[in-house]
N, C-alpha and C. Protein backbone atom coordinates (compact mmCIF):
# COMPACT_ATOMS: atom_id res chain seq x y z
N MET A 1 0.77 -1.26 0.05
CA MET A 1 0.17 -0.13 -0.23
C MET A 1 0.97 1.35 -0.08
N ASN A 2 0.60 2.10 -1.08
CA ASN A 2 1.26 3.48 -0.86
C ASN A 2 0.57 4.43 -0.27
N LEU A 3 0.47 4.31 1.07
CA LEU A 3 -0.22 5.38 1.89
C LEU A 3 0.61 6.70 2.10
N ASN A 4 -0.30 7.72 1.91
CA ASN A 4 0.21 9.08 2.03
C ASN A 4 -1.01 9.99 2.52
N CYS A 5 -0.44 11.33 2.84
CA CYS A 5 -1.61 12.41 3.15
C CYS A 5 -2.43 12.73 2.22
N PHE A 6 -2.29 12.22 0.94
CA PHE A 6 -3.15 12.46 -0.36
C PHE A 6 -4.21 11.28 -0.53
N THR A 7 -3.74 10.17 0.00
CA THR A 7 -4.50 8.86 -0.34
C THR A 7 -5.31 8.27 0.78
N TYR A 8 -4.91 8.62 1.92
CA TYR A 8 -5.51 7.65 3.23
C TYR A 8 -7.00 7.71 3.09
N LYS A 9 -7.55 8.73 2.76
CA LYS A 9 -9.09 8.51 2.93
C LYS A 9 -9.68 7.36 2.28
N LYS A 10 -9.03 6.91 1.24
CA LYS A 10 -9.66 5.84 0.36
C LYS A 10 -9.33 4.59 0.74
N GLU A 11 -8.28 4.59 1.91
CA GLU A 11 -7.55 3.23 2.41
C GLU A 11 -8.64 2.39 3.45
N THR A 12 -8.58 1.29 3.65
CA THR A 12 -9.27 0.75 4.78
C THR A 12 -8.18 0.46 6.03
N PHE A 13 -8.59 0.75 7.25
CA PHE A 13 -7.84 0.75 8.43
C PHE A 13 -8.45 -0.12 9.50
N THR A 14 -7.67 -0.69 10.29
CA THR A 14 -8.28 -1.57 11.40
C THR A 14 -7.27 -1.00 12.62
N CYS A 15 -8.26 -0.67 13.63
CA CYS A 15 -7.43 -0.28 14.79
C CYS A 15 -7.24 -1.56 15.73
N LYS A 16 -5.88 -1.59 16.32
CA LYS A 16 -5.29 -2.73 16.78
C LYS A 16 -5.74 -3.01 18.42
N LYS A 17 -6.30 -1.71 18.84
CA LYS A 17 -6.71 -1.69 20.14
C LYS A 17 -8.08 -2.21 20.24
N CYS A 18 -9.19 -1.79 19.47
CA CYS A 18 -10.54 -1.79 19.63
C CYS A 18 -11.21 -2.74 18.26
N ASN A 19 -10.35 -3.10 17.25
CA ASN A 19 -10.95 -3.92 16.09
C ASN A 19 -11.84 -3.16 15.31
N TRP A 20 -11.80 -1.61 15.49
CA TRP A 20 -12.72 -0.80 14.50
C TRP A 20 -12.12 -1.06 13.24
N THR A 21 -12.87 -1.01 12.16
CA THR A 21 -12.61 -1.12 10.73
C THR A 21 -13.24 -0.16 10.13
N GLY A 22 -12.66 0.60 9.26
CA GLY A 22 -13.41 1.67 8.41
C GLY A 22 -12.25 2.34 7.23
N LYS A 23 -12.84 3.35 6.71
CA LYS A 23 -12.15 4.24 5.65
C LYS A 23 -11.37 5.12 6.13
N GLY A 24 -10.16 5.69 5.59
CA GLY A 24 -9.44 6.62 6.25
C GLY A 24 -10.13 7.92 6.55
N ASP A 25 -11.23 8.17 5.71
CA ASP A 25 -12.06 9.52 5.78
C ASP A 25 -12.86 9.34 7.09
N GLU A 26 -13.25 8.30 7.73
CA GLU A 26 -13.62 8.13 8.99
C GLU A 26 -12.73 8.66 10.44
N LEU A 27 -11.38 8.64 10.04
CA LEU A 27 -10.62 8.97 11.15
C LEU A 27 -10.77 10.06 11.79
N SER A 28 -10.33 10.23 12.97
CA SER A 28 -10.38 11.46 13.75
C SER A 28 -9.00 12.15 13.81
N PHE A 29 -9.07 13.37 13.54
CA PHE A 29 -7.60 14.10 13.65
C PHE A 29 -7.48 14.30 15.34
N GLY A 30 -6.22 13.89 15.68
CA GLY A 30 -5.67 13.78 16.84
C GLY A 30 -4.62 14.85 17.14
N GLU A 31 -3.55 14.79 17.57
CA GLU A 31 -2.69 15.75 18.04
C GLU A 31 -2.01 16.34 16.43
N PHE A 32 -1.43 17.55 16.78
CA PHE A 32 -0.91 18.38 15.53
C PHE A 32 0.18 19.01 16.27
N SER A 33 1.48 18.70 15.80
CA SER A 33 2.41 19.54 16.18
C SER A 33 2.92 20.58 14.96
N GLU A 34 2.67 21.96 15.31
CA GLU A 34 2.85 22.94 14.71
C GLU A 34 4.19 23.16 14.23
N LYS A 35 4.90 22.85 15.46
CA LYS A 35 6.56 23.25 15.37
C LYS A 35 7.06 22.03 14.33
N PHE A 36 6.46 20.92 14.27
CA PHE A 36 7.17 19.71 13.29
C PHE A 36 6.10 19.53 12.19
N SER A 37 4.94 19.94 11.99
CA SER A 37 3.88 19.75 11.17
C SER A 37 3.63 18.43 11.04
N ILE A 38 3.46 17.55 12.30
CA ILE A 38 2.98 16.21 12.37
C ILE A 38 1.76 16.11 12.36
N VAL A 39 0.89 15.17 11.78
CA VAL A 39 -0.42 15.18 11.91
C VAL A 39 -0.81 13.48 12.29
N ASP A 40 -1.57 13.53 13.33
CA ASP A 40 -2.05 12.13 13.91
C ASP A 40 -3.54 12.06 13.50
N LEU A 41 -3.65 10.69 13.08
CA LEU A 41 -5.14 10.42 12.81
C LEU A 41 -5.22 9.20 13.74
N ASP A 42 -6.65 9.33 14.50
CA ASP A 42 -6.96 8.42 15.62
C ASP A 42 -7.99 7.54 15.16
N CYS A 43 -8.43 6.39 15.80
CA CYS A 43 -9.40 5.63 15.70
C CYS A 43 -10.78 6.50 16.31
N PRO A 44 -11.96 6.57 15.30
CA PRO A 44 -13.07 7.32 15.81
C PRO A 44 -13.95 6.62 17.08
N LYS A 45 -13.56 5.15 17.33
CA LYS A 45 -14.19 4.81 18.33
C LYS A 45 -13.54 4.81 19.78
N CYS A 46 -12.07 4.54 19.63
CA CYS A 46 -11.22 4.54 21.05
C CYS A 46 -10.20 5.62 21.05
N PHE A 47 -9.89 6.33 19.81
CA PHE A 47 -9.12 7.53 19.87
C PHE A 47 -7.61 6.84 19.96
N GLU A 48 -7.38 5.72 19.62
CA GLU A 48 -5.93 5.09 19.51
C GLU A 48 -5.34 5.80 18.18
N LEU A 49 -4.02 5.77 18.32
CA LEU A 49 -3.12 6.45 17.12
C LEU A 49 -3.28 5.41 16.02
N ILE A 50 -3.88 5.80 14.86
CA ILE A 50 -3.89 4.93 13.63
C ILE A 50 -2.64 5.22 12.78
N LEU A 51 -2.15 6.35 12.52
CA LEU A 51 -1.15 6.55 11.62
C LEU A 51 -0.97 8.25 12.00
N SER A 52 0.33 8.65 11.41
CA SER A 52 0.76 9.99 11.52
C SER A 52 1.76 10.01 10.39
N TRP A 53 1.76 11.38 9.99
CA TRP A 53 2.79 11.93 9.00
C TRP A 53 3.17 13.08 9.05
N ILE A 54 4.27 13.73 8.28
CA ILE A 54 4.42 14.87 8.27
C ILE A 54 3.75 15.70 7.24
N ALA A 55 3.13 16.79 7.60
CA ALA A 55 2.29 17.57 6.70
C ALA A 55 3.06 17.74 5.22
N PRO A 56 2.43 17.92 4.01
CA PRO A 56 3.28 18.12 2.98
C PRO A 56 3.53 19.70 2.92
N THR A 57 4.65 19.89 2.18
CA THR A 57 5.09 21.35 1.81
C THR A 57 3.96 21.79 0.75
N ARG A 58 4.05 23.09 0.42
CA ARG A 58 3.56 23.53 -0.76
C ARG A 58 3.85 22.99 -2.06
N GLU A 59 5.19 22.76 -2.36
CA GLU A 59 5.68 22.14 -3.45
C GLU A 59 5.16 20.73 -3.57
N GLU A 60 5.06 20.17 -2.42
CA GLU A 60 4.55 18.70 -2.29
C GLU A 60 3.10 18.62 -2.96
N VAL A 61 2.34 19.65 -2.43
CA VAL A 61 0.76 19.71 -3.01
C VAL A 61 0.49 20.05 -4.32
N LYS A 62 1.48 20.87 -4.90
CA LYS A 62 1.54 21.32 -6.13
C LYS A 62 1.79 20.24 -6.86
N GLU A 63 2.92 19.58 -6.66
CA GLU A 63 3.40 18.20 -7.40
C GLU A 63 2.34 17.22 -7.59
N TRP A 64 1.56 16.85 -6.50
CA TRP A 64 0.63 16.21 -6.30
C TRP A 64 -0.65 16.33 -7.05
N LYS A 65 -0.75 17.42 -7.14
CA LYS A 65 -2.22 18.13 -7.80
C LYS A 65 -1.70 17.92 -9.33
N ALA A 66 -0.55 18.28 -9.71
CA ALA A 66 -0.02 18.34 -11.26
C ALA A 66 -0.22 16.69 -11.72
N ASN A 67 0.04 16.07 -11.01
CA ASN A 67 0.41 14.48 -11.51
C ASN A 67 -1.11 13.74 -11.35
N ASN A 68 -2.03 14.24 -10.69
CA ASN A 68 -3.28 13.76 -10.35
C ASN A 68 -4.53 14.17 -10.71
N ASN A 69 -4.54 15.01 -11.99
CA ASN A 69 -5.48 15.69 -12.67
C ASN A 69 -6.16 16.99 -12.01
N ASN A 70 -5.37 17.58 -10.94
CA ASN A 70 -5.68 18.61 -10.00
C ASN A 70 -6.69 18.23 -9.04
N GLU A 71 -6.57 16.92 -8.81
CA GLU A 71 -7.54 16.34 -7.61
C GLU A 71 -7.57 17.06 -6.41
N PRO A 72 -8.91 17.49 -5.88
CA PRO A 72 -8.70 18.06 -4.53
C PRO A 72 -7.87 17.39 -3.45
N THR A 73 -7.43 18.07 -2.61
CA THR A 73 -6.69 17.55 -1.32
C THR A 73 -7.26 18.22 -0.18
N ASP A 74 -6.79 17.56 0.95
CA ASP A 74 -7.08 18.57 2.17
C ASP A 74 -6.04 19.52 2.42
N TRP A 75 -5.12 19.75 1.54
CA TRP A 75 -3.83 20.52 1.66
C TRP A 75 -3.85 21.87 0.79
N ASP A 76 -5.12 21.85 -0.22
CA ASP A 76 -5.07 22.78 -0.88
C ASP A 76 -4.86 24.11 -0.68
N ASN A 77 -5.27 24.56 0.66
CA ASN A 77 -5.11 25.76 1.19
C ASN A 77 -3.65 26.29 1.13
N LEU A 78 -2.61 25.29 1.23
CA LEU A 78 -1.24 25.74 1.53
C LEU A 78 -0.64 26.36 0.12
N ILE A 79 -1.58 25.86 -1.25
CA ILE A 79 -0.89 26.54 -2.31
C ILE A 79 -1.41 27.93 -2.73
N TYR A 80 -2.27 28.30 -2.07
CA TYR A 80 -2.65 29.61 -2.35
C TYR A 80 -2.40 30.85 -1.27
């Protein structure tokens, strides 16, 4: 699986703690470190950490959109 901050909503996840299973768009935003731009996504049932990543840069958002037919992302506000 090529999981990243642009594709996670379409992927299926299972929580190791409570066995919740669902799509990435159902995950809850957890902690966010502004200093390091780290985003955590938590289980919507028990709030266990499911995944985290470093938020993309403006250049990464522009590149993703250019290579994916200008598909909308959660990060579009970074490029304006």
